[in-house]
N, C-alpha and C. Protein backbone atom coordinates (compact mmCIF):
# COMPACT_ATOMS: atom_id res chain seq x y z
N MET A 1 51.76 -12.85 19.03
CA MET A 1 50.87 -13.19 17.93
C MET A 1 51.34 -12.42 16.69
N SER A 2 51.37 -13.11 15.58
CA SER A 2 51.87 -12.50 14.36
C SER A 2 50.85 -11.53 13.77
N VAL A 3 51.33 -10.64 12.95
CA VAL A 3 50.47 -9.66 12.29
C VAL A 3 49.46 -10.37 11.39
N SER A 4 49.88 -11.42 10.72
CA SER A 4 48.96 -12.12 9.82
C SER A 4 47.82 -12.78 10.60
N ARG A 5 48.09 -13.28 11.82
CA ARG A 5 47.03 -13.87 12.64
C ARG A 5 46.05 -12.79 13.12
N VAL A 6 46.55 -11.64 13.47
CA VAL A 6 45.68 -10.54 13.90
C VAL A 6 44.79 -10.11 12.73
N LEU A 7 45.38 -9.98 11.55
CA LEU A 7 44.60 -9.60 10.37
C LEU A 7 43.55 -10.66 10.04
N LEU A 8 43.91 -11.94 10.19
CA LEU A 8 42.97 -13.02 9.93
C LEU A 8 41.80 -12.94 10.90
N ARG A 9 42.08 -12.71 12.17
CA ARG A 9 41.00 -12.59 13.16
C ARG A 9 40.10 -11.39 12.87
N LEU A 10 40.69 -10.28 12.51
CA LEU A 10 39.89 -9.10 12.16
C LEU A 10 39.01 -9.38 10.95
N ALA A 11 39.56 -10.06 9.96
CA ALA A 11 38.79 -10.39 8.76
C ALA A 11 37.63 -11.32 9.10
N LEU A 12 37.85 -12.29 9.97
CA LEU A 12 36.78 -13.20 10.38
C LEU A 12 35.69 -12.46 11.15
N CYS A 13 36.08 -11.56 12.03
CA CYS A 13 35.09 -10.76 12.77
C CYS A 13 34.28 -9.89 11.82
N ALA A 14 34.94 -9.27 10.87
CA ALA A 14 34.23 -8.43 9.90
C ALA A 14 33.28 -9.27 9.06
N ALA A 15 33.72 -10.46 8.66
CA ALA A 15 32.86 -11.34 7.86
C ALA A 15 31.64 -11.78 8.65
N ALA A 16 31.80 -11.99 9.94
CA ALA A 16 30.66 -12.39 10.78
C ALA A 16 29.62 -11.29 10.86
N LEU A 17 30.02 -10.05 10.72
CA LEU A 17 29.09 -8.93 10.78
C LEU A 17 28.38 -8.67 9.45
N LEU A 18 28.93 -9.14 8.36
CA LEU A 18 28.34 -8.86 7.04
C LEU A 18 26.90 -9.30 6.90
N PRO A 19 26.49 -10.49 7.30
CA PRO A 19 25.09 -10.87 7.13
C PRO A 19 24.12 -9.95 7.86
N VAL A 20 24.55 -9.38 8.96
CA VAL A 20 23.67 -8.48 9.71
C VAL A 20 23.36 -7.24 8.88
N THR A 21 24.35 -6.66 8.25
CA THR A 21 24.11 -5.46 7.45
C THR A 21 23.49 -5.81 6.10
N ALA A 22 23.82 -6.97 5.56
CA ALA A 22 23.27 -7.34 4.25
C ALA A 22 21.79 -7.66 4.33
N SER A 23 21.31 -8.12 5.48
CA SER A 23 19.90 -8.49 5.60
C SER A 23 19.14 -7.47 6.44
N ALA A 24 19.37 -6.21 6.18
CA ALA A 24 18.74 -5.15 6.98
C ALA A 24 17.26 -4.98 6.67
N ALA A 25 16.79 -5.44 5.52
CA ALA A 25 15.39 -5.26 5.14
C ALA A 25 14.49 -6.16 5.98
N GLU A 26 13.39 -5.59 6.43
CA GLU A 26 12.38 -6.33 7.19
C GLU A 26 11.24 -6.64 6.22
N GLU A 27 10.84 -7.90 6.12
CA GLU A 27 9.80 -8.33 5.18
C GLU A 27 8.48 -8.51 5.92
N TYR A 28 7.40 -7.97 5.35
CA TYR A 28 6.07 -8.05 5.96
C TYR A 28 5.03 -8.44 4.93
N VAL A 29 3.95 -9.08 5.40
CA VAL A 29 2.77 -9.34 4.57
C VAL A 29 1.59 -8.58 5.17
N TYR A 30 0.68 -8.19 4.32
CA TYR A 30 -0.52 -7.43 4.70
C TYR A 30 -1.40 -8.30 5.60
N ASP A 31 -1.77 -7.77 6.75
CA ASP A 31 -2.66 -8.46 7.69
C ASP A 31 -4.08 -7.96 7.46
N ALA A 32 -4.87 -8.72 6.70
CA ALA A 32 -6.22 -8.29 6.32
C ALA A 32 -7.15 -8.14 7.52
N VAL A 33 -6.88 -8.85 8.60
CA VAL A 33 -7.74 -8.77 9.79
C VAL A 33 -7.59 -7.42 10.49
N HIS A 34 -6.41 -6.83 10.41
CA HIS A 34 -6.14 -5.58 11.13
C HIS A 34 -5.85 -4.41 10.20
N SER A 35 -6.34 -4.48 8.98
CA SER A 35 -6.08 -3.44 7.98
C SER A 35 -7.36 -3.14 7.22
N SER A 36 -7.38 -2.00 6.53
CA SER A 36 -8.55 -1.67 5.73
C SER A 36 -8.19 -0.69 4.61
N VAL A 37 -8.97 -0.79 3.53
CA VAL A 37 -8.92 0.19 2.45
C VAL A 37 -10.35 0.68 2.29
N SER A 38 -10.57 1.93 2.65
CA SER A 38 -11.91 2.50 2.57
C SER A 38 -11.87 3.75 1.70
N PHE A 39 -13.06 4.24 1.35
CA PHE A 39 -13.14 5.42 0.49
C PHE A 39 -14.43 6.16 0.78
N LYS A 40 -14.44 7.39 0.32
CA LYS A 40 -15.68 8.18 0.34
C LYS A 40 -15.68 9.07 -0.89
N ALA A 41 -16.89 9.30 -1.41
CA ALA A 41 -17.06 10.15 -2.59
C ALA A 41 -18.33 10.96 -2.41
N ARG A 42 -18.35 12.15 -2.95
CA ARG A 42 -19.52 13.02 -2.84
C ARG A 42 -20.67 12.46 -3.67
N HIS A 43 -21.88 12.57 -3.13
CA HIS A 43 -23.08 12.19 -3.86
C HIS A 43 -23.91 13.45 -4.06
N LEU A 44 -24.14 13.80 -5.33
CA LEU A 44 -24.90 15.00 -5.71
C LEU A 44 -24.34 16.26 -5.06
N ASP A 45 -23.10 16.19 -4.63
CA ASP A 45 -22.40 17.30 -3.98
C ASP A 45 -23.11 17.79 -2.72
N ILE A 46 -23.89 16.90 -2.09
CA ILE A 46 -24.57 17.30 -0.84
C ILE A 46 -24.26 16.36 0.32
N SER A 47 -23.75 15.16 0.02
CA SER A 47 -23.44 14.21 1.10
C SER A 47 -22.32 13.29 0.62
N TRP A 48 -21.91 12.39 1.49
CA TRP A 48 -20.83 11.45 1.18
C TRP A 48 -21.36 10.02 1.12
N ILE A 49 -20.86 9.26 0.17
CA ILE A 49 -21.07 7.81 0.14
C ILE A 49 -19.76 7.19 0.63
N HIS A 50 -19.88 6.28 1.59
CA HIS A 50 -18.71 5.62 2.15
C HIS A 50 -18.68 4.16 1.71
N GLY A 51 -17.49 3.64 1.53
CA GLY A 51 -17.36 2.24 1.16
C GLY A 51 -15.99 1.71 1.52
N ARG A 52 -15.81 0.44 1.20
CA ARG A 52 -14.54 -0.21 1.48
C ARG A 52 -14.34 -1.33 0.47
N PHE A 53 -13.13 -1.85 0.44
CA PHE A 53 -12.83 -3.05 -0.34
C PHE A 53 -12.51 -4.15 0.67
N ASN A 54 -13.20 -5.27 0.55
CA ASN A 54 -13.08 -6.33 1.54
C ASN A 54 -11.97 -7.34 1.26
N GLU A 55 -11.43 -7.35 0.05
CA GLU A 55 -10.37 -8.30 -0.29
C GLU A 55 -9.14 -7.53 -0.77
N VAL A 56 -8.16 -7.46 0.12
CA VAL A 56 -6.93 -6.72 -0.14
C VAL A 56 -5.76 -7.60 0.26
N ASP A 57 -4.69 -7.53 -0.51
CA ASP A 57 -3.49 -8.30 -0.21
C ASP A 57 -2.29 -7.40 -0.49
N GLY A 58 -1.18 -7.72 0.12
CA GLY A 58 0.01 -6.93 -0.15
C GLY A 58 1.20 -7.42 0.63
N LYS A 59 2.30 -6.77 0.37
CA LYS A 59 3.53 -7.06 1.09
C LYS A 59 4.40 -5.82 1.02
N PHE A 60 5.31 -5.73 1.97
CA PHE A 60 6.25 -4.63 1.92
C PHE A 60 7.54 -5.02 2.60
N SER A 61 8.58 -4.33 2.21
CA SER A 61 9.92 -4.55 2.72
C SER A 61 10.44 -3.20 3.19
N ILE A 62 10.92 -3.16 4.42
CA ILE A 62 11.42 -1.91 4.98
C ILE A 62 12.89 -2.06 5.30
N ASP A 63 13.70 -1.20 4.72
CA ASP A 63 15.12 -1.15 5.03
C ASP A 63 15.35 0.16 5.78
N ARG A 64 15.39 0.08 7.07
CA ARG A 64 15.50 1.29 7.90
C ARG A 64 16.87 1.96 7.76
N GLN A 65 17.89 1.19 7.39
CA GLN A 65 19.23 1.77 7.20
C GLN A 65 19.34 2.49 5.86
N ASP A 66 18.63 1.97 4.86
CA ASP A 66 18.65 2.57 3.52
C ASP A 66 17.22 2.55 2.96
N PRO A 67 16.38 3.52 3.37
CA PRO A 67 14.96 3.51 2.98
C PRO A 67 14.72 3.42 1.48
N ALA A 68 15.66 3.86 0.66
CA ALA A 68 15.48 3.78 -0.79
C ALA A 68 15.37 2.34 -1.26
N LYS A 69 15.83 1.39 -0.47
CA LYS A 69 15.73 -0.03 -0.81
C LYS A 69 14.41 -0.64 -0.35
N SER A 70 13.58 0.13 0.30
CA SER A 70 12.27 -0.36 0.76
C SER A 70 11.32 -0.47 -0.42
N SER A 71 10.27 -1.28 -0.25
CA SER A 71 9.27 -1.40 -1.31
C SER A 71 7.90 -1.71 -0.70
N PHE A 72 6.86 -1.29 -1.41
CA PHE A 72 5.48 -1.47 -0.96
C PHE A 72 4.63 -1.93 -2.14
N GLN A 73 3.79 -2.95 -1.90
CA GLN A 73 2.88 -3.46 -2.93
C GLN A 73 1.52 -3.71 -2.30
N LEU A 74 0.47 -3.34 -3.02
CA LEU A 74 -0.89 -3.54 -2.53
C LEU A 74 -1.76 -3.94 -3.72
N THR A 75 -2.57 -4.98 -3.54
CA THR A 75 -3.50 -5.43 -4.59
C THR A 75 -4.89 -5.53 -3.99
N ILE A 76 -5.84 -4.86 -4.64
CA ILE A 76 -7.24 -4.83 -4.19
C ILE A 76 -8.08 -5.57 -5.23
N LYS A 77 -8.92 -6.49 -4.78
CA LYS A 77 -9.88 -7.12 -5.69
C LYS A 77 -11.04 -6.14 -5.86
N ALA A 78 -11.17 -5.61 -7.06
CA ALA A 78 -12.16 -4.55 -7.31
C ALA A 78 -13.59 -5.01 -7.05
N ASP A 79 -13.88 -6.28 -7.30
CA ASP A 79 -15.26 -6.74 -7.09
C ASP A 79 -15.61 -6.93 -5.61
N SER A 80 -14.66 -6.68 -4.72
CA SER A 80 -14.96 -6.75 -3.28
C SER A 80 -15.47 -5.42 -2.74
N VAL A 81 -15.79 -4.48 -3.65
CA VAL A 81 -16.32 -3.17 -3.23
C VAL A 81 -17.58 -3.37 -2.40
N ASP A 82 -17.68 -2.62 -1.31
CA ASP A 82 -18.79 -2.79 -0.36
C ASP A 82 -19.18 -1.42 0.19
N THR A 83 -20.38 -0.96 -0.19
CA THR A 83 -20.89 0.32 0.31
C THR A 83 -22.10 0.11 1.22
N ALA A 84 -22.30 -1.13 1.68
CA ALA A 84 -23.43 -1.50 2.54
C ALA A 84 -24.77 -1.38 1.81
N ASN A 85 -24.72 -1.46 0.48
CA ASN A 85 -25.93 -1.44 -0.33
C ASN A 85 -25.68 -2.37 -1.52
N ALA A 86 -26.28 -3.57 -1.50
CA ALA A 86 -26.00 -4.60 -2.51
C ALA A 86 -26.27 -4.13 -3.93
N ALA A 87 -27.36 -3.40 -4.15
CA ALA A 87 -27.69 -2.93 -5.50
C ALA A 87 -26.64 -1.94 -5.99
N ARG A 88 -26.24 -1.02 -5.13
CA ARG A 88 -25.21 -0.04 -5.53
C ARG A 88 -23.88 -0.75 -5.78
N ASP A 89 -23.53 -1.72 -4.91
CA ASP A 89 -22.27 -2.44 -5.09
C ASP A 89 -22.25 -3.16 -6.43
N GLU A 90 -23.36 -3.78 -6.80
CA GLU A 90 -23.43 -4.47 -8.09
C GLU A 90 -23.28 -3.46 -9.24
N HIS A 91 -23.88 -2.29 -9.10
CA HIS A 91 -23.74 -1.25 -10.13
C HIS A 91 -22.28 -0.79 -10.22
N LEU A 92 -21.60 -0.66 -9.09
CA LEU A 92 -20.20 -0.23 -9.10
C LEU A 92 -19.28 -1.25 -9.79
N ARG A 93 -19.70 -2.49 -9.87
CA ARG A 93 -18.91 -3.53 -10.55
C ARG A 93 -19.08 -3.50 -12.07
N GLN A 94 -20.06 -2.76 -12.56
CA GLN A 94 -20.41 -2.74 -13.98
C GLN A 94 -19.42 -1.89 -14.80
N PRO A 95 -19.49 -2.01 -16.15
CA PRO A 95 -18.54 -1.31 -17.02
C PRO A 95 -18.49 0.21 -16.84
N ASP A 96 -19.59 0.86 -16.44
CA ASP A 96 -19.53 2.32 -16.31
C ASP A 96 -18.81 2.77 -15.03
N TYR A 97 -18.52 1.85 -14.13
CA TYR A 97 -17.72 2.19 -12.94
C TYR A 97 -16.44 1.37 -12.94
N PHE A 98 -16.30 0.41 -12.03
CA PHE A 98 -15.03 -0.33 -11.92
C PHE A 98 -14.81 -1.36 -13.03
N ASP A 99 -15.87 -1.82 -13.69
CA ASP A 99 -15.75 -2.82 -14.75
C ASP A 99 -14.87 -3.99 -14.28
N THR A 100 -15.32 -4.63 -13.21
CA THR A 100 -14.50 -5.63 -12.53
C THR A 100 -14.23 -6.88 -13.35
N LYS A 101 -15.05 -7.17 -14.35
CA LYS A 101 -14.75 -8.33 -15.20
C LYS A 101 -13.53 -8.05 -16.07
N GLN A 102 -13.44 -6.85 -16.60
CA GLN A 102 -12.29 -6.50 -17.44
C GLN A 102 -11.08 -6.08 -16.61
N PHE A 103 -11.32 -5.43 -15.48
CA PHE A 103 -10.23 -4.92 -14.64
C PHE A 103 -10.41 -5.43 -13.21
N PRO A 104 -10.04 -6.68 -12.95
CA PRO A 104 -10.34 -7.30 -11.66
C PRO A 104 -9.56 -6.77 -10.46
N THR A 105 -8.44 -6.09 -10.71
CA THR A 105 -7.64 -5.62 -9.58
C THR A 105 -7.30 -4.14 -9.69
N ILE A 106 -7.06 -3.56 -8.54
CA ILE A 106 -6.52 -2.21 -8.39
C ILE A 106 -5.18 -2.42 -7.69
N GLU A 107 -4.10 -1.86 -8.24
CA GLU A 107 -2.78 -2.18 -7.71
C GLU A 107 -1.91 -0.95 -7.50
N PHE A 108 -1.05 -1.06 -6.50
CA PHE A 108 -0.01 -0.06 -6.27
C PHE A 108 1.31 -0.79 -6.11
N ARG A 109 2.34 -0.32 -6.82
CA ARG A 109 3.70 -0.86 -6.73
C ARG A 109 4.66 0.32 -6.59
N SER A 110 5.40 0.35 -5.50
CA SER A 110 6.31 1.48 -5.29
C SER A 110 7.47 1.44 -6.28
N THR A 111 7.93 2.63 -6.63
CA THR A 111 9.10 2.77 -7.49
C THR A 111 10.20 3.58 -6.80
N LYS A 112 9.82 4.32 -5.75
CA LYS A 112 10.79 5.15 -5.03
C LYS A 112 10.28 5.35 -3.61
N VAL A 113 11.18 5.20 -2.65
CA VAL A 113 10.82 5.38 -1.24
C VAL A 113 11.88 6.26 -0.59
N LYS A 114 11.42 7.24 0.18
CA LYS A 114 12.37 8.03 0.96
C LYS A 114 11.78 8.31 2.34
N ALA A 115 12.65 8.32 3.32
CA ALA A 115 12.22 8.58 4.69
C ALA A 115 11.84 10.04 4.85
N ILE A 116 10.75 10.28 5.58
CA ILE A 116 10.35 11.63 5.96
C ILE A 116 10.03 11.58 7.45
N GLU A 117 9.86 12.71 8.06
CA GLU A 117 9.52 12.73 9.48
C GLU A 117 8.19 12.03 9.70
N GLY A 118 8.20 11.00 10.51
CA GLY A 118 6.98 10.28 10.84
C GLY A 118 6.57 9.20 9.87
N GLY A 119 7.42 8.89 8.87
CA GLY A 119 7.05 7.83 7.93
C GLY A 119 7.89 7.84 6.68
N TYR A 120 7.24 7.63 5.55
CA TYR A 120 7.92 7.53 4.26
C TYR A 120 7.12 8.25 3.19
N GLU A 121 7.84 8.85 2.25
CA GLU A 121 7.22 9.36 1.04
C GLU A 121 7.43 8.28 -0.02
N VAL A 122 6.32 7.76 -0.53
CA VAL A 122 6.38 6.61 -1.44
C VAL A 122 5.78 7.01 -2.78
N THR A 123 6.57 6.89 -3.83
CA THR A 123 6.11 7.11 -5.19
C THR A 123 5.97 5.75 -5.84
N GLY A 124 4.91 5.59 -6.63
CA GLY A 124 4.73 4.30 -7.28
C GLY A 124 3.71 4.35 -8.39
N ASP A 125 3.55 3.21 -9.03
CA ASP A 125 2.58 3.05 -10.11
C ASP A 125 1.26 2.57 -9.53
N PHE A 126 0.22 3.37 -9.74
CA PHE A 126 -1.12 3.03 -9.28
C PHE A 126 -1.95 2.69 -10.51
N THR A 127 -2.49 1.48 -10.54
CA THR A 127 -3.27 1.01 -11.69
C THR A 127 -4.71 0.76 -11.27
N MET A 128 -5.63 1.42 -11.96
CA MET A 128 -7.05 1.24 -11.72
C MET A 128 -7.77 1.39 -13.05
N HIS A 129 -8.72 0.53 -13.29
CA HIS A 129 -9.56 0.61 -14.48
C HIS A 129 -8.72 0.62 -15.76
N GLY A 130 -7.61 -0.15 -15.73
CA GLY A 130 -6.76 -0.29 -16.91
C GLY A 130 -5.80 0.85 -17.17
N THR A 131 -5.75 1.83 -16.29
CA THR A 131 -4.87 2.98 -16.46
C THR A 131 -3.86 3.03 -15.32
N THR A 132 -2.60 3.23 -15.67
CA THR A 132 -1.54 3.32 -14.67
C THR A 132 -1.01 4.74 -14.64
N ARG A 133 -0.92 5.29 -13.43
CA ARG A 133 -0.36 6.63 -13.23
C ARG A 133 0.62 6.58 -12.07
N SER A 134 1.62 7.42 -12.14
CA SER A 134 2.55 7.55 -11.02
C SER A 134 1.93 8.49 -9.99
N ILE A 135 1.89 8.03 -8.74
CA ILE A 135 1.38 8.87 -7.65
C ILE A 135 2.39 8.85 -6.51
N THR A 136 2.33 9.86 -5.66
CA THR A 136 3.18 9.92 -4.47
C THR A 136 2.28 10.05 -3.26
N ILE A 137 2.52 9.20 -2.27
CA ILE A 137 1.73 9.23 -1.04
C ILE A 137 2.64 9.42 0.16
N GLN A 138 2.07 9.97 1.20
CA GLN A 138 2.76 10.10 2.48
C GLN A 138 2.29 8.93 3.34
N LEU A 139 3.15 7.96 3.54
CA LEU A 139 2.82 6.77 4.33
C LEU A 139 3.32 7.03 5.75
N MET A 140 2.40 7.29 6.65
CA MET A 140 2.77 7.69 8.00
C MET A 140 2.74 6.49 8.95
N GLY A 141 3.65 6.49 9.89
CA GLY A 141 3.73 5.40 10.86
C GLY A 141 5.06 4.69 10.73
N GLY A 142 5.01 3.39 10.94
CA GLY A 142 6.22 2.59 10.84
C GLY A 142 6.72 2.07 12.17
N ARG A 143 5.94 2.35 13.23
CA ARG A 143 6.35 1.84 14.54
C ARG A 143 6.23 0.33 14.54
N GLN A 144 7.23 -0.30 15.07
CA GLN A 144 7.29 -1.76 15.08
C GLN A 144 7.11 -2.28 16.50
N ILE A 145 6.30 -3.33 16.65
CA ILE A 145 6.16 -4.01 17.94
C ILE A 145 6.20 -5.52 17.69
N GLU A 146 6.35 -6.27 18.76
CA GLU A 146 6.25 -7.72 18.67
C GLU A 146 5.07 -8.15 19.51
N SER A 147 4.19 -8.94 18.92
CA SER A 147 3.00 -9.43 19.60
C SER A 147 2.85 -10.92 19.33
N ARG A 148 2.84 -11.70 20.38
CA ARG A 148 2.71 -13.17 20.27
C ARG A 148 3.76 -13.77 19.34
N GLY A 149 4.96 -13.26 19.46
CA GLY A 149 6.06 -13.80 18.68
C GLY A 149 6.11 -13.37 17.23
N VAL A 150 5.22 -12.44 16.85
CA VAL A 150 5.19 -11.95 15.47
C VAL A 150 5.51 -10.46 15.47
N ARG A 151 6.48 -10.07 14.65
CA ARG A 151 6.82 -8.65 14.51
C ARG A 151 5.75 -7.99 13.65
N ARG A 152 5.26 -6.84 14.09
CA ARG A 152 4.20 -6.11 13.37
C ARG A 152 4.61 -4.65 13.20
N VAL A 153 4.10 -4.06 12.13
CA VAL A 153 4.33 -2.64 11.88
C VAL A 153 3.08 -2.08 11.20
N GLY A 154 2.77 -0.82 11.48
CA GLY A 154 1.56 -0.23 10.91
C GLY A 154 1.83 1.09 10.20
N PHE A 155 1.03 1.33 9.15
CA PHE A 155 1.11 2.57 8.37
C PHE A 155 -0.30 3.03 8.02
N SER A 156 -0.43 4.30 7.74
CA SER A 156 -1.71 4.81 7.23
C SER A 156 -1.43 5.95 6.25
N THR A 157 -2.40 6.13 5.36
CA THR A 157 -2.31 7.24 4.40
C THR A 157 -3.72 7.60 3.95
N GLU A 158 -3.85 8.80 3.48
CA GLU A 158 -5.09 9.28 2.88
C GLU A 158 -4.71 9.98 1.59
N LEU A 159 -5.40 9.61 0.51
CA LEU A 159 -5.09 10.24 -0.76
C LEU A 159 -6.37 10.55 -1.51
N ARG A 160 -6.26 11.45 -2.46
CA ARG A 160 -7.40 11.85 -3.29
C ARG A 160 -7.10 11.43 -4.73
N LEU A 161 -8.08 10.74 -5.31
CA LEU A 161 -7.95 10.28 -6.69
C LEU A 161 -9.12 10.79 -7.51
N LYS A 162 -8.86 11.21 -8.73
CA LYS A 162 -9.93 11.60 -9.64
C LYS A 162 -10.23 10.41 -10.54
N ARG A 163 -11.48 9.99 -10.53
CA ARG A 163 -11.86 8.85 -11.37
C ARG A 163 -11.65 9.16 -12.84
N SER A 164 -11.82 10.42 -13.23
CA SER A 164 -11.62 10.80 -14.64
C SER A 164 -10.17 10.57 -15.08
N ASP A 165 -9.22 10.59 -14.15
CA ASP A 165 -7.82 10.29 -14.48
C ASP A 165 -7.61 8.83 -14.84
N TYR A 166 -8.59 7.99 -14.50
CA TYR A 166 -8.47 6.54 -14.72
C TYR A 166 -9.52 6.02 -15.70
N ASN A 167 -9.98 6.91 -16.57
CA ASN A 167 -10.87 6.55 -17.69
C ASN A 167 -12.19 5.91 -17.28
N PHE A 168 -12.75 6.36 -16.17
CA PHE A 168 -14.10 5.93 -15.82
C PHE A 168 -15.07 6.61 -16.79
N ASP A 169 -16.18 5.97 -17.06
CA ASP A 169 -17.22 6.50 -17.94
C ASP A 169 -17.61 7.90 -17.46
N LYS A 170 -17.51 8.89 -18.33
CA LYS A 170 -17.82 10.28 -17.95
C LYS A 170 -19.26 10.42 -17.47
N ASN A 171 -20.19 9.62 -18.00
CA ASN A 171 -21.58 9.68 -17.55
C ASN A 171 -21.73 9.17 -16.12
N ALA A 172 -20.83 8.28 -15.70
CA ALA A 172 -20.91 7.72 -14.35
C ALA A 172 -20.39 8.70 -13.31
N ILE A 173 -19.68 9.72 -13.74
CA ILE A 173 -19.10 10.66 -12.79
C ILE A 173 -20.15 11.65 -12.28
N GLY A 174 -21.21 11.88 -13.03
CA GLY A 174 -22.24 12.86 -12.68
C GLY A 174 -22.71 12.87 -11.24
N PRO A 175 -23.57 11.92 -10.82
CA PRO A 175 -24.13 11.98 -9.47
C PRO A 175 -23.10 11.70 -8.37
N ILE A 176 -22.10 10.90 -8.70
CA ILE A 176 -21.03 10.61 -7.75
C ILE A 176 -19.85 11.48 -8.15
N GLY A 177 -19.33 12.24 -7.22
CA GLY A 177 -18.24 13.17 -7.52
C GLY A 177 -17.06 12.50 -8.19
N ASP A 178 -16.33 13.25 -8.97
CA ASP A 178 -15.16 12.74 -9.69
C ASP A 178 -14.06 12.34 -8.72
N GLU A 179 -13.93 13.08 -7.63
CA GLU A 179 -12.83 12.84 -6.70
C GLU A 179 -13.28 11.91 -5.57
N ALA A 180 -12.44 10.93 -5.28
CA ALA A 180 -12.68 10.03 -4.16
C ALA A 180 -11.53 10.18 -3.17
N VAL A 181 -11.87 10.12 -1.90
CA VAL A 181 -10.87 10.12 -0.84
C VAL A 181 -10.66 8.66 -0.44
N VAL A 182 -9.43 8.20 -0.51
CA VAL A 182 -9.09 6.81 -0.18
C VAL A 182 -8.26 6.81 1.09
N ILE A 183 -8.67 5.98 2.05
CA ILE A 183 -7.98 5.88 3.33
C ILE A 183 -7.45 4.46 3.46
N ILE A 184 -6.15 4.33 3.65
CA ILE A 184 -5.53 3.02 3.80
C ILE A 184 -4.90 2.94 5.18
N ASP A 185 -5.33 1.97 5.96
CA ASP A 185 -4.73 1.64 7.24
C ASP A 185 -4.19 0.23 7.12
N CYS A 186 -2.90 0.08 7.24
CA CYS A 186 -2.26 -1.20 6.95
C CYS A 186 -1.42 -1.66 8.13
N GLU A 187 -1.63 -2.89 8.52
CA GLU A 187 -0.77 -3.53 9.51
C GLU A 187 -0.09 -4.70 8.82
N GLY A 188 1.21 -4.77 8.95
CA GLY A 188 1.95 -5.87 8.35
C GLY A 188 2.49 -6.80 9.41
N MET A 189 2.58 -8.08 9.05
CA MET A 189 3.15 -9.11 9.93
C MET A 189 4.44 -9.61 9.30
N SER A 190 5.45 -9.84 10.12
CA SER A 190 6.72 -10.34 9.59
C SER A 190 6.52 -11.69 8.94
N LYS A 191 7.27 -11.93 7.89
CA LYS A 191 7.17 -13.22 7.17
C LYS A 191 7.83 -14.31 7.98
């Protein structure tokens, strides 16, 4: 066999492997049935008010070979706030709190991802109440399984946000503490 035929075969084998490395990113969509975005905030500094957002959407891409190419996006419909008290929920939708008519969504878009032990450190733009700030979260998890022919992966994080950093009405901060603890448990399904 000639040298040129050997080189041609090697080139063909290498070309056959290229799509495998080029498509290393795994694409997922947010599974609302198996995920949640909840929060708690101090009330009069003596107890906690708990709540959640019932309408959340998102997607993420994980490149396990090159985590810097990964990305995470989450969109929350602010008017889906639910604290198990209809009157309070309606008040939270008003201009002195979430002002959901003017600011209908709360969003996170990653700008930088790096692998850490047990998950990823994700920096991104967090937008709430018309204000965008860069935040960094520890997104823990990432174990992948296949269930009923669908690839799934899960992550969780807990972060603390100050409402005053997002231009909430200063009078609204009084009885409800300025700082809220946000807990995100996310399961993604392969596209």
